[in-house]
Protein backbone atom coordinates (compact mmCIF):
# COMPACT_ATOMS: atom_id res chain seq x y z
CA MET A 1 -3.22 48.70 67.07
CA ASP A 2 -2.53 51.63 64.81
CA LEU A 3 -5.11 52.95 63.08
CA ASP A 4 -3.61 55.65 61.03
CA ARG A 5 -4.98 57.46 58.42
CA PHE A 6 -3.38 57.47 54.59
CA PRO A 7 -4.81 60.42 52.83
CA LEU A 8 -5.83 59.58 49.05
CA SER A 9 -4.26 63.25 48.26
CA ASP A 10 -4.85 66.55 49.89
CA SER A 11 -8.14 67.09 48.55
CA SER A 12 -9.86 63.56 48.34
CA PRO A 13 -11.08 62.22 51.58
CA SER A 14 -8.87 59.51 53.84
CA ILE A 15 -9.21 55.65 54.53
CA THR A 16 -8.53 54.15 57.62
CA ARG A 17 -5.28 51.37 57.30
CA ARG A 18 -8.01 49.15 58.43
CA GLY A 19 -10.41 49.33 55.53
CA ALA A 20 -7.23 49.62 52.97
CA LEU A 21 -6.03 45.49 55.01
CA LYS A 22 -9.68 44.79 54.28
CA ALA A 23 -9.40 45.80 50.73
CA ILE A 24 -6.94 44.13 50.47
CA ALA A 25 -7.68 40.83 51.69
CA GLY A 26 -10.98 41.18 50.13
CA SER A 27 -8.88 40.71 47.13
CA THR A 28 -7.27 37.45 48.02
CA LEU A 29 -10.45 35.77 47.53
CA VAL A 30 -12.89 35.21 44.65
CA ALA A 31 -14.12 38.35 42.91
CA VAL A 32 -16.58 36.33 40.68
CA ALA A 33 -18.87 38.37 39.82
CA GLY A 34 -17.19 41.07 37.75
CA CYS A 35 -15.21 37.76 36.42
CA LEU A 36 -17.84 35.73 35.59
CA GLY A 37 -20.79 37.94 34.79
CA GLY A 38 -23.76 37.24 36.45
CA ASP A 39 -24.53 37.20 40.32
CA PRO A 40 -21.69 35.75 42.65
CA ASP A 41 -22.82 32.26 43.88
CA PRO A 42 -23.72 33.29 48.13
CA THR A 43 -21.04 32.52 50.62
CA PRO A 44 -21.70 29.32 52.51
CA ASP A 45 -22.06 29.50 55.77
CA PRO A 46 -19.76 28.18 58.42
CA VAL A 47 -19.69 24.17 59.67
CA ASP A 48 -19.93 22.81 63.24
CA LEU A 49 -16.70 21.07 63.66
CA SER A 50 -17.16 18.65 66.25
CA GLY A 51 -18.31 14.76 65.96
CA GLY A 52 -14.61 13.08 66.06
CA LYS A 53 -13.39 15.83 62.15
CA GLU A 54 -9.42 15.15 62.10
CA ASP A 55 -7.49 18.96 61.05
CA ASP A 56 -7.01 18.57 57.23
CA GLN A 57 -3.20 20.28 57.97
CA GLY A 58 -1.97 17.85 60.14
CA GLY A 59 -4.96 15.11 61.93
CA MET A 60 -5.44 16.19 65.30
CA VAL A 61 -9.09 15.62 65.72
CA ILE A 62 -10.65 19.31 66.14
CA GLY A 63 -12.27 19.67 69.73
CA ASN A 64 -10.12 17.06 71.50
CA HIS A 65 -6.79 20.50 72.00
CA ALA A 66 -7.61 24.57 73.39
CA GLY A 67 -7.61 27.46 71.43
CA PRO A 68 -9.05 28.76 67.94
CA ASN A 69 -10.33 26.23 65.07
CA GLY A 70 -10.96 26.81 61.29
CA GLN A 71 -12.60 25.78 57.85
CA ILE A 72 -12.32 27.49 54.58
CA PHE A 73 -14.06 26.54 51.82
CA TYR A 74 -12.98 26.87 47.79
CA ARG A 75 -14.70 27.10 44.49
CA ASP A 76 -13.20 24.57 42.42
CA ASN A 77 -11.33 22.85 44.73
CA SER A 78 -12.34 20.46 48.00
CA PRO A 79 -9.74 19.44 50.71
CA ARG A 80 -9.12 15.39 50.44
CA GLY A 81 -11.25 12.94 52.30
CA HIS A 82 -14.42 15.61 52.60
CA ASP A 83 -16.59 17.80 50.99
CA ASN A 84 -16.06 21.86 51.71
CA PRO A 85 -14.64 23.54 53.15
CA ALA A 86 -11.06 22.37 54.46
CA TRP A 87 -11.17 22.24 58.48
CA PHE A 88 -8.74 23.28 60.92
CA HIS A 89 -7.60 23.09 64.95
CA THR A 90 -5.16 25.35 64.90
CA LEU A 91 -4.25 28.57 63.03
CA SER A 92 -0.95 29.57 63.08
CA MET A 93 0.77 25.33 61.89
CA GLY A 94 -2.95 24.75 60.48
CA LEU A 95 -5.73 27.11 59.15
CA PHE A 96 -2.57 29.54 57.47
CA PRO A 97 -0.22 26.97 56.65
CA TYR A 98 -2.85 24.60 54.12
CA TYR A 99 -3.93 28.32 52.62
CA PHE A 100 -1.01 29.72 51.46
CA GLU A 101 -0.03 26.17 50.44
CA HIS A 102 -3.12 25.52 48.02
CA GLU A 103 -2.81 29.25 47.72
CA ARG A 104 0.54 29.16 45.56
CA MET A 105 -2.10 25.54 43.51
CA GLY A 106 -4.21 28.02 42.28
CA TRP A 107 -7.18 27.23 44.47
CA GLU A 108 -9.56 30.20 45.05
CA ALA A 109 -11.06 30.59 49.07
CA THR A 110 -14.08 31.27 48.85
CA ALA A 111 -15.08 31.90 52.53
CA ILE A 112 -12.74 31.41 55.99
CA TYR A 113 -14.37 31.45 59.33
CA VAL A 114 -12.03 31.47 62.75
CA THR A 115 -13.30 30.91 66.41
CA ASP A 116 -14.88 35.02 66.79
CA TYR A 117 -13.22 34.79 70.46
CA SER A 118 -15.82 37.49 70.60
CA LEU A 119 -18.55 35.58 70.93
CA VAL A 120 -17.95 33.39 73.40
CA ASP A 121 -17.64 32.65 76.90
CA PHE A 122 -13.75 31.87 76.40
CA THR A 123 -11.57 30.67 79.37
CA VAL A 124 -8.23 30.47 79.85
CA THR A 125 -6.85 27.87 82.11
CA ASP A 126 -2.97 26.50 83.25
CA ASP A 127 -1.13 23.86 82.96
CA ASP A 128 2.07 22.79 83.73
CA GLY A 129 3.13 26.93 84.02
CA GLN A 130 1.72 27.60 80.76
CA SER A 131 -1.91 28.60 80.05
CA PHE A 132 -3.92 27.90 77.64
CA ILE A 133 -7.75 28.72 75.87
CA SER A 134 -10.92 27.45 75.60
CA THR A 135 -11.44 25.38 71.98
CA HIS A 136 -15.28 26.35 70.55
CA THR A 137 -16.84 23.66 67.04
CA GLY A 138 -20.06 25.47 67.08
CA THR A 139 -21.08 26.47 63.58
CA ASP A 140 -22.29 30.10 65.73
CA THR A 141 -18.34 30.05 67.35
CA PHE A 142 -17.38 31.06 63.56
CA GLY A 143 -16.47 34.22 62.12
CA ASP A 144 -14.44 35.70 58.66
CA ALA A 145 -11.59 35.25 59.42
CA THR A 146 -10.59 38.86 57.17
CA GLU A 147 -13.14 40.77 59.67
CA MET A 148 -10.96 39.71 62.73
CA ASP A 149 -8.24 41.11 64.61
CA PHE A 150 -5.91 38.46 66.37
CA VAL A 151 -3.33 38.96 69.22
CA VAL A 152 0.00 37.13 68.47
CA ASP A 153 2.59 36.79 71.62
CA SER A 154 0.67 36.53 74.61
CA SER A 155 0.90 34.10 77.11
CA VAL A 156 -2.15 32.20 76.00
CA HIS A 157 -1.62 28.87 73.87
CA GLY A 158 -3.60 27.30 71.53
CA GLY A 159 -3.83 23.31 70.72
CA MET A 160 -0.24 23.45 69.76
CA GLY A 161 1.45 25.95 71.14
CA PRO A 162 1.43 30.08 69.91
CA ASP A 163 -1.32 30.81 68.03
CA LEU A 164 -3.77 33.47 66.39
CA LEU A 165 -6.07 34.33 68.57
CA PRO A 166 -9.20 36.29 66.50
CA PHE A 167 -11.43 38.74 68.16
CA SER A 168 -14.14 40.52 66.23
CA ASP A 169 -13.64 43.56 68.09
CA VAL A 170 -11.20 44.63 69.05
CA ALA A 171 -11.53 46.43 71.87
CA ASP A 172 -11.70 42.45 73.02
CA ALA A 173 -8.23 41.95 71.51
CA ASN A 174 -7.08 45.09 73.52
CA SER A 175 -8.82 43.70 76.74
CA PHE A 176 -7.22 40.00 76.19
CA VAL A 177 -3.84 42.17 74.92
CA ASP A 178 -3.55 44.34 78.33
CA GLU A 179 -4.22 40.86 80.30
CA TYR A 180 -2.70 38.40 78.49
CA GLY A 181 -0.15 40.36 76.67
CA GLY A 182 1.10 40.77 73.24
CA SER A 183 -0.54 42.36 69.99
CA THR A 184 -2.91 42.44 67.31
CA VAL A 185 -2.71 42.07 63.63
CA GLU A 186 -5.04 42.14 61.19
CA PHE A 187 -5.51 39.41 58.24
CA ALA A 188 -3.88 40.99 55.22
CA ASP A 189 -1.06 41.13 58.27
CA VAL A 190 -0.35 37.47 58.33
CA THR A 191 1.78 36.11 54.94
CA SER A 192 3.76 33.51 54.39
CA GLU A 193 6.83 35.34 55.53
CA TRP A 194 5.41 36.86 58.47
CA LEU A 195 3.73 33.31 60.04
CA SER A 196 7.14 32.06 59.34
CA GLY A 197 8.85 35.02 61.43
CA TYR A 198 5.92 34.01 63.83
CA LEU A 199 6.70 31.09 64.93
CA ARG A 200 10.02 30.81 64.87
CA SER A 201 10.29 33.62 67.76
């Protein structure tokens, strides 16, 4: 991953591209303390996604399919049919499209969690000539999406084909790329336009 430094000025300290992108990504989530005064609401913890929960984007049962899962907590809104968070069995066709759509509707996300493949003992299996990465639903398998490096364009699929495979440790992401191909992107790189192009490629 390109971690070129971008100086603020000739005499000021430099910041990494990662730091700049994380600052941008962080600004897409709710900054409550400065706007409303007082202490911000505590960040909610991820929930267990087992037990037959149906994806809020497509209705598929989470845990029955390969690949990363995700969940989004919203400040003043909640998904249809249940309390926060909204939950997903895929990122490329579930979490991110839902996030972009509801962002346009004015929904404010307070936390976005995705499977962290740096935390779990994942497996890659072959089925009919395609490779698939394991799925994980426990609370301790999720990490902050804005802190992840996502492997894209690898030979390994999620539950609905090409997906974004999240790793909190960039070394783990790079090792995965070395073995299965592809490249890495960060949360702030994933825009609605980028995702549309990725799914078409």
